[in-house]
Amino acid sequence: MGTVEETFKCPVCQDFFTDPVTLPCGHDFCLTCIQAVWETEGSDEGPFFCPECQIFLPSDLTLEVNTSLQNKVKDFTTNSPSTAELRTTPPSRATVSSSAIHCDHCIETPSVAIRTCLTCDASLCQAHALLHQQRSALREHTVVEVTGDPLSLKCREHREELKLFCMEERVPVCCLCVLVGMHKNHKAFQLHEACTDFKVNIILVLFS
C-alpha cells in the first residue's frame, strides 16, 4: 500500500476518509469514527483524546469537516487506477463474505464488522470494537473474530456464553448448565483455567 494512499485512510476504520476531521494534534479521522471512539456511557462531554497520540483535547472542541482533505480524498479515489479497478471489478467471494456482516451500531453509515461481542450479541466495526476495549463496563465482554452466527459459539440449550469447562464430560458449558442443566453438580472450572491446566499436563507428559 502506497504512502500517499495511507494518508487518505482513517486509522480507525482503515478505509478512505468520509467527512474527515482534523484534531488539534494534527491527526485525521472520519467524523463518525472519532465520534464512536469518544462515546462514553450516557455522556458526550469528554474528556476527549486522540486515539493515535493519546493527547487529551479541549472539552469544548468543535469538530468541523476538513473540506480540503475531503476534496483530496475524492480526487485520489476518482483518479487512482487501483480504486477505479475496485469499482469496476466484481468483488471476489472473500470480499463479499467479509463485507456481508455490518456493525450493528453504525446505523446511518454502515461499516464492515471485524469483531463480534458474544455478551451483546452484536457485530462491531473497528471503532466500536475499540470502544469495547476502552469502556470499563464493557471490558469483561467476550469479543471474538466476527461471525454471522454468534449463537453457534454459545450453549445450544440456554444460549449463554460457554464460560465454564465440565471436568467430568470434558466439554465447554455455560453457567446454567452447571446450575440447572444436564451438568448440574458436575465439577466445572473457568474455561481459561481449564485450558491452562490441560497445557500444563501436556507439558508434564511430554517431558516426563
C-alpha atoms as a PDB file:
ATOM      1  CA  MET A   1       0.000   0.000   0.000  1.00  0.00           C
ATOM      2  CA  GLY A   2       1.478   3.324  -1.036  1.00  0.00           C
ATOM      3  CA  THR A   3       2.357   6.150   1.345  1.00  0.00           C
ATOM      4  CA  VAL A   4       0.052   8.604  -0.427  1.00  0.00           C
ATOM      5  CA  GLU A   5      -2.877   6.196  -0.125  1.00  0.00           C
ATOM      6  CA  GLU A   6      -2.127   5.723   3.584  1.00  0.00           C
ATOM      7  CA  THR A   7      -2.509   9.474   4.231  1.00  0.00           C
ATOM      8  CA  PHE A   8      -6.059   9.337   2.863  1.00  0.00           C
ATOM      9  CA  LYS A   9      -7.208   6.490   5.119  1.00  0.00           C
ATOM     10  CA  CYS A  10      -8.716   6.731   8.590  1.00  0.00           C
ATOM     11  CA  PRO A  11      -6.597   4.941  11.246  1.00  0.00           C
ATOM     12  CA  VAL A  12      -9.772   3.688  12.945  1.00  0.00           C
ATOM     13  CA  CYS A  13     -11.768   2.111  10.110  1.00  0.00           C
ATOM     14  CA  GLN A  14      -8.755   1.673   7.779  1.00  0.00           C
ATOM     15  CA  ASP A  15     -10.850   2.948   4.859  1.00  0.00           C
ATOM     16  CA  PHE A  16     -10.759   6.180   2.850  1.00  0.00           C
ATOM     17  CA  PHE A  17     -11.908   9.184   4.877  1.00  0.00           C
ATOM     18  CA  THR A  18     -15.610  10.013   4.988  1.00  0.00           C
ATOM     19  CA  ASP A  19     -16.244  13.554   6.239  1.00  0.00           C
ATOM     20  CA  PRO A  20     -12.678  13.827   7.614  1.00  0.00           C
ATOM     21  CA  VAL A  21     -11.944  15.992  10.643  1.00  0.00           C
ATOM     22  CA  THR A  22      -8.517  17.149  11.796  1.00  0.00           C
ATOM     23  CA  LEU A  23      -7.815  17.237  15.540  1.00  0.00           C
ATOM     24  CA  PRO A  24      -5.658  19.983  17.124  1.00  0.00           C
ATOM     25  CA  CYS A  25      -2.767  17.489  17.320  1.00  0.00           C
ATOM     26  CA  GLY A  26      -2.872  17.125  13.525  1.00  0.00           C
ATOM     27  CA  HIS A  27      -4.282  13.595  13.238  1.00  0.00           C
ATOM     28  CA  ASP A  28      -7.212  12.967  10.885  1.00  0.00           C
ATOM     29  CA  PHE A  29     -10.242  10.700  11.339  1.00  0.00           C
ATOM     30  CA  CYS A  30     -13.648  10.087   9.799  1.00  0.00           C
ATOM     31  CA  LEU A  31     -16.223  12.157  11.663  1.00  0.00           C
ATOM     32  CA  THR A  32     -18.318   9.113  12.599  1.00  0.00           C
ATOM     33  CA  CYS A  33     -15.225   7.113  13.626  1.00  0.00           C
ATOM     34  CA  ILE A  34     -13.886   9.676  16.087  1.00  0.00           C
ATOM     35  CA  GLN A  35     -17.377  10.255  17.493  1.00  0.00           C
ATOM     36  CA  ALA A  36     -17.718   6.497  18.075  1.00  0.00           C
ATOM     37  CA  VAL A  37     -14.353   6.365  19.850  1.00  0.00           C
ATOM     38  CA  TRP A  38     -15.330   9.285  22.064  1.00  0.00           C
ATOM     39  CA  GLU A  39     -18.652   7.870  23.130  1.00  0.00           C
ATOM     40  CA  THR A  40     -18.913   7.360  26.859  1.00  0.00           C
ATOM     41  CA  GLU A  41     -21.725   5.893  28.867  1.00  0.00           C
ATOM     42  CA  GLY A  42     -24.507   8.479  28.992  1.00  0.00           C
ATOM     43  CA  SER A  43     -22.172  11.399  28.347  1.00  0.00           C
ATOM     44  CA  ASP A  44     -20.568  13.178  25.419  1.00  0.00           C
ATOM     45  CA  GLU A  45     -18.815  15.872  27.445  1.00  0.00           C
ATOM     46  CA  GLY A  46     -15.363  14.333  27.408  1.00  0.00           C
ATOM     47  CA  PRO A  47     -12.590  14.177  28.270  1.00  0.00           C
ATOM     48  CA  PHE A  48     -11.650  13.738  24.616  1.00  0.00           C
ATOM     49  CA  PHE A  49      -8.375  12.288  23.382  1.00  0.00           C
ATOM     50  CA  CYS A  50      -6.612  11.383  20.157  1.00  0.00           C
ATOM     51  CA  PRO A  51      -6.555   7.606  19.553  1.00  0.00           C
ATOM     52  CA  GLU A  52      -3.235   7.983  17.693  1.00  0.00           C
ATOM     53  CA  CYS A  53      -1.091  10.030  20.106  1.00  0.00           C
ATOM     54  CA  GLN A  54      -3.315   9.745  23.230  1.00  0.00           C
ATOM     55  CA  ILE A  55      -3.113  13.501  23.853  1.00  0.00           C
ATOM     56  CA  PHE A  56      -6.103  14.954  25.716  1.00  0.00           C
ATOM     57  CA  LEU A  57      -8.126  17.592  23.880  1.00  0.00           C
ATOM     58  CA  PRO A  58     -10.308  20.538  24.996  1.00  0.00           C
ATOM     59  CA  SER A  59     -13.771  19.528  26.221  1.00  0.00           C
ATOM     60  CA  ASP A  60     -15.329  22.318  24.130  1.00  0.00           C
ATOM     61  CA  LEU A  61     -13.714  21.061  20.921  1.00  0.00           C
ATOM     62  CA  THR A  62     -15.891  21.527  17.825  1.00  0.00           C
ATOM     63  CA  LEU A  63     -15.439  19.051  15.004  1.00  0.00           C
ATOM     64  CA  GLU A  64     -15.501  20.567  11.530  1.00  0.00           C
ATOM     65  CA  VAL A  65     -15.140  18.648   8.281  1.00  0.00           C
ATOM     66  CA  ASN A  66     -11.779  19.310   6.630  1.00  0.00           C
ATOM     67  CA  THR A  67     -13.094  20.139   3.157  1.00  0.00           C
ATOM     68  CA  SER A  68      -9.590  20.425   1.706  1.00  0.00           C
ATOM     69  CA  LEU A  69      -8.708  16.876   2.786  1.00  0.00           C
ATOM     70  CA  GLN A  70     -12.134  15.653   1.719  1.00  0.00           C
ATOM     71  CA  ASN A  71     -11.576  17.011  -1.799  1.00  0.00           C
ATOM     72  CA  LYS A  72      -8.116  15.434  -1.966  1.00  0.00           C
ATOM     73  CA  VAL A  73      -9.542  12.045  -0.970  1.00  0.00           C
ATOM     74  CA  LYS A  74     -12.284  12.399  -3.572  1.00  0.00           C
ATOM     75  CA  ASP A  75      -9.761  13.280  -6.288  1.00  0.00           C
ATOM     76  CA  PHE A  76      -7.475  10.410  -5.292  1.00  0.00           C
ATOM     77  CA  THR A  77     -10.202   7.768  -5.224  1.00  0.00           C
ATOM     78  CA  THR A  78     -11.581   9.031  -8.537  1.00  0.00           C
ATOM     79  CA  ASN A  79      -8.271   9.087 -10.406  1.00  0.00           C
ATOM     80  CA  SER A  80      -6.383   6.224  -8.765  1.00  0.00           C
ATOM     81  CA  PRO A  81      -6.184   3.139 -11.055  1.00  0.00           C
ATOM     82  CA  SER A  82      -6.391   0.735  -8.114  1.00  0.00           C
ATOM     83  CA  THR A  83      -9.571   2.243  -6.690  1.00  0.00           C
ATOM     84  CA  ALA A  84     -11.099   2.584 -10.134  1.00  0.00           C
ATOM     85  CA  GLU A  85     -10.441  -1.136 -10.678  1.00  0.00           C
ATOM     86  CA  LEU A  86     -12.175  -1.925  -7.414  1.00  0.00           C
ATOM     87  CA  ARG A  87     -15.243  -0.053  -8.598  1.00  0.00           C
ATOM     88  CA  THR A  88     -15.402  -1.813 -11.971  1.00  0.00           C
ATOM     89  CA  THR A  89     -14.268  -5.310 -10.989  1.00  0.00           C
ATOM     90  CA  PRO A  90     -16.852  -7.584  -9.349  1.00  0.00           C
ATOM     91  CA  PRO A  91     -15.836  -8.354  -5.746  1.00  0.00           C
ATOM     92  CA  SER A  92     -14.349 -11.755  -5.004  1.00  0.00           C
ATOM     93  CA  ARG A  93     -16.137 -14.306  -2.856  1.00  0.00           C
ATOM     94  CA  ALA A  94     -13.810 -13.473   0.019  1.00  0.00           C
ATOM     95  CA  THR A  95     -14.646  -9.780  -0.243  1.00  0.00           C
ATOM     96  CA  VAL A  96     -18.365 -10.453  -0.388  1.00  0.00           C
ATOM     97  CA  SER A  97     -18.115 -12.793   2.572  1.00  0.00           C
ATOM     98  CA  SER A  98     -16.221 -10.335   4.785  1.00  0.00           C
ATOM     99  CA  SER A  99     -18.369  -7.353   3.839  1.00  0.00           C
ATOM    100  CA  ALA A 100     -21.663  -9.190   4.360  1.00  0.00           C
ATOM    101  CA  ILE A 101     -21.554  -8.594   8.129  1.00  0.00           C
ATOM    102  CA  HIS A 102     -22.033  -4.979   9.184  1.00  0.00           C
ATOM    103  CA  CYS A 103     -21.626  -3.217  12.517  1.00  0.00           C
ATOM    104  CA  ASP A 104     -24.881  -3.261  14.484  1.00  0.00           C
ATOM    105  CA  HIS A 105     -24.119   0.169  15.978  1.00  0.00           C
ATOM    106  CA  CYS A 106     -23.416   2.030  12.725  1.00  0.00           C
ATOM    107  CA  ILE A 107     -26.939   2.781  11.542  1.00  0.00           C
ATOM    108  CA  GLU A 108     -26.664   5.845   9.286  1.00  0.00           C
ATOM    109  CA  THR A 109     -23.361   4.868   7.636  1.00  0.00           C
ATOM    110  CA  PRO A 110     -22.942   1.067   7.555  1.00  0.00           C
ATOM    111  CA  SER A 111     -19.429  -0.133   8.434  1.00  0.00           C
ATOM    112  CA  VAL A 112     -17.916  -3.587   7.979  1.00  0.00           C
ATOM    113  CA  ALA A 113     -17.735  -5.547  11.233  1.00  0.00           C
ATOM    114  CA  ILE A 114     -14.389  -7.014  12.339  1.00  0.00           C
ATOM    115  CA  ARG A 115     -15.415  -8.412  15.749  1.00  0.00           C
ATOM    116  CA  THR A 116     -18.469  -9.980  17.398  1.00  0.00           C
ATOM    117  CA  CYS A 117     -19.371  -9.432  21.042  1.00  0.00           C
ATOM    118  CA  LEU A 118     -20.944 -12.613  22.399  1.00  0.00           C
ATOM    119  CA  THR A 119     -22.148 -10.772  25.501  1.00  0.00           C
ATOM    120  CA  CYS A 120     -24.042  -8.148  23.488  1.00  0.00           C
ATOM    121  CA  ASP A 121     -24.869 -10.434  20.542  1.00  0.00           C
ATOM    122  CA  ALA A 122     -23.607  -7.610  18.350  1.00  0.00           C
ATOM    123  CA  SER A 123     -21.217  -7.244  15.425  1.00  0.00           C
ATOM    124  CA  LEU A 124     -18.675  -4.430  15.837  1.00  0.00           C
ATOM    125  CA  CYS A 125     -16.697  -2.288  13.410  1.00  0.00           C
ATOM    126  CA  GLN A 126     -13.139  -1.290  14.330  1.00  0.00           C
ATOM    127  CA  ALA A 127     -14.291   1.891  16.080  1.00  0.00           C
ATOM    128  CA  HIS A 128     -16.888   0.148  18.234  1.00  0.00           C
ATOM    129  CA  ALA A 129     -14.534  -2.773  18.935  1.00  0.00           C
ATOM    130  CA  LEU A 130     -12.036  -0.209  20.227  1.00  0.00           C
ATOM    131  CA  LEU A 131     -14.817   1.276  22.336  1.00  0.00           C
ATOM    132  CA  HIS A 132     -15.361  -2.145  23.947  1.00  0.00           C
ATOM    133  CA  GLN A 133     -11.705  -2.197  24.979  1.00  0.00           C
ATOM    134  CA  GLN A 134     -11.812   1.309  26.454  1.00  0.00           C
ATOM    135  CA  ARG A 135     -15.106   1.324  28.357  1.00  0.00           C
ATOM    136  CA  SER A 136     -14.635  -0.132  31.832  1.00  0.00           C
ATOM    137  CA  ALA A 137     -18.170  -1.593  31.814  1.00  0.00           C
ATOM    138  CA  LEU A 138     -17.529  -3.432  28.541  1.00  0.00           C
ATOM    139  CA  ARG A 139     -14.012  -4.766  29.107  1.00  0.00           C
ATOM    140  CA  GLU A 140     -15.301  -8.033  30.595  1.00  0.00           C
ATOM    141  CA  HIS A 141     -17.398  -8.768  27.494  1.00  0.00           C
ATOM    142  CA  THR A 142     -16.347 -11.705  25.327  1.00  0.00           C
ATOM    143  CA  VAL A 143     -15.226 -10.326  21.952  1.00  0.00           C
ATOM    144  CA  VAL A 144     -14.227 -12.765  19.190  1.00  0.00           C
ATOM    145  CA  GLU A 145     -13.494 -12.719  15.472  1.00  0.00           C
ATOM    146  CA  VAL A 146     -16.527 -11.557  13.524  1.00  0.00           C
ATOM    147  CA  THR A 147     -19.130 -14.243  12.918  1.00  0.00           C
ATOM    148  CA  GLY A 148     -22.541 -14.145  11.335  1.00  0.00           C
ATOM    149  CA  ASP A 149     -23.821 -16.732  13.794  1.00  0.00           C
ATOM    150  CA  PRO A 150     -22.837 -15.837  17.389  1.00  0.00           C
ATOM    151  CA  LEU A 151     -25.266 -18.445  18.741  1.00  0.00           C
ATOM    152  CA  SER A 152     -23.012 -21.161  17.296  1.00  0.00           C
ATOM    153  CA  LEU A 153     -20.430 -20.140  19.918  1.00  0.00           C
ATOM    154  CA  LYS A 154     -22.923 -20.323  22.777  1.00  0.00           C
ATOM    155  CA  CYS A 155     -24.685 -23.044  24.710  1.00  0.00           C
ATOM    156  CA  ARG A 156     -27.336 -24.545  22.428  1.00  0.00           C
ATOM    157  CA  GLU A 157     -29.706 -25.226  25.318  1.00  0.00           C
ATOM    158  CA  HIS A 158     -29.524 -21.930  27.228  1.00  0.00           C
ATOM    159  CA  ARG A 159     -27.977 -19.579  24.630  1.00  0.00           C
ATOM    160  CA  GLU A 160     -25.488 -18.371  27.223  1.00  0.00           C
ATOM    161  CA  GLU A 161     -21.728 -17.909  26.859  1.00  0.00           C
ATOM    162  CA  LEU A 162     -19.595 -21.027  27.283  1.00  0.00           C
ATOM    163  CA  LYS A 163     -17.539 -19.724  30.187  1.00  0.00           C
ATOM    164  CA  LEU A 164     -17.040 -22.986  32.081  1.00  0.00           C
ATOM    165  CA  PHE A 165     -15.489 -26.370  31.339  1.00  0.00           C
ATOM    166  CA  CYS A 166     -17.131 -29.531  32.680  1.00  0.00           C
ATOM    167  CA  MET A 167     -14.292 -31.669  34.013  1.00  0.00           C
ATOM    168  CA  GLU A 168     -16.433 -34.828  34.093  1.00  0.00           C
ATOM    169  CA  GLU A 169     -17.572 -34.753  30.465  1.00  0.00           C
ATOM    170  CA  ARG A 170     -14.730 -32.530  29.217  1.00  0.00           C
ATOM    171  CA  VAL A 171     -16.878 -30.093  27.254  1.00  0.00           C
ATOM    172  CA  PRO A 172     -17.415 -26.318  27.441  1.00  0.00           C
ATOM    173  CA  VAL A 173     -20.647 -25.401  29.241  1.00  0.00           C
ATOM    174  CA  CYS A 174     -22.500 -22.298  30.386  1.00  0.00           C
ATOM    175  CA  CYS A 175     -23.329 -21.335  33.982  1.00  0.00           C
ATOM    176  CA  LEU A 176     -26.940 -22.509  33.662  1.00  0.00           C
ATOM    177  CA  CYS A 177     -25.759 -25.957  32.534  1.00  0.00           C
ATOM    178  CA  VAL A 178     -23.997 -26.373  35.879  1.00  0.00           C
ATOM    179  CA  LEU A 179     -26.779 -24.829  37.964  1.00  0.00           C
ATOM    180  CA  VAL A 180     -29.926 -26.337  36.490  1.00  0.00           C
ATOM    181  CA  GLY A 181     -28.977 -28.178  33.311  1.00  0.00           C
ATOM    182  CA  MET A 182     -27.531 -31.508  32.259  1.00  0.00           C
ATOM    183  CA  HIS A 183     -24.226 -30.794  34.036  1.00  0.00           C
ATOM    184  CA  LYS A 184     -25.776 -29.968  37.409  1.00  0.00           C
ATOM    185  CA  ASN A 185     -23.460 -30.889  40.300  1.00  0.00           C
ATOM    186  CA  HIS A 186     -20.638 -31.642  37.856  1.00  0.00           C
ATOM    187  CA  LYS A 187     -17.208 -30.281  38.699  1.00  0.00           C
ATOM    188  CA  ALA A 188     -16.511 -27.287  36.452  1.00  0.00           C
ATOM    189  CA  PHE A 189     -13.664 -24.803  36.099  1.00  0.00           C
ATOM    190  CA  GLN A 190     -13.432 -21.455  34.395  1.00  0.00           C
ATOM    191  CA  LEU A 191     -12.706 -22.165  30.737  1.00  0.00           C
ATOM    192  CA  HIS A 192      -9.372 -20.301  30.731  1.00  0.00           C
ATOM    193  CA  GLU A 193      -8.281 -22.102  33.910  1.00  0.00           C
ATOM    194  CA  ALA A 194      -9.105 -25.473  32.388  1.00  0.00           C
ATOM    195  CA  CYS A 195      -7.098 -24.620  29.269  1.00  0.00           C
ATOM    196  CA  THR A 196      -4.111 -23.692  31.412  1.00  0.00           C
ATOM    197  CA  ASP A 197      -4.347 -26.940  33.383  1.00  0.00           C
ATOM    198  CA  PHE A 198      -4.507 -29.022  30.210  1.00  0.00           C
ATOM    199  CA  LYS A 199      -1.470 -27.230  28.790  1.00  0.00           C
ATOM    200  CA  VAL A 200       0.492 -27.890  31.973  1.00  0.00           C
ATOM    201  CA  ASN A 201      -0.491 -31.574  31.963  1.00  0.00           C
ATOM    202  CA  ILE A 202       0.540 -31.955  28.335  1.00  0.00           C
ATOM    203  CA  ILE A 203       3.939 -30.389  29.039  1.00  0.00           C
ATOM    204  CA  LEU A 204       4.424 -32.698  32.055  1.00  0.00           C
ATOM    205  CA  VAL A 205       3.593 -35.742  29.930  1.00  0.00           C
ATOM    206  CA  LEU A 206       5.948 -34.670  27.134  1.00  0.00           C
ATOM    207  CA  PHE A 207       8.902 -34.089  29.453  1.00  0.00           C
ATOM    208  CA  SER A 208       8.275 -36.895  31.938  1.00  0.00           C
END
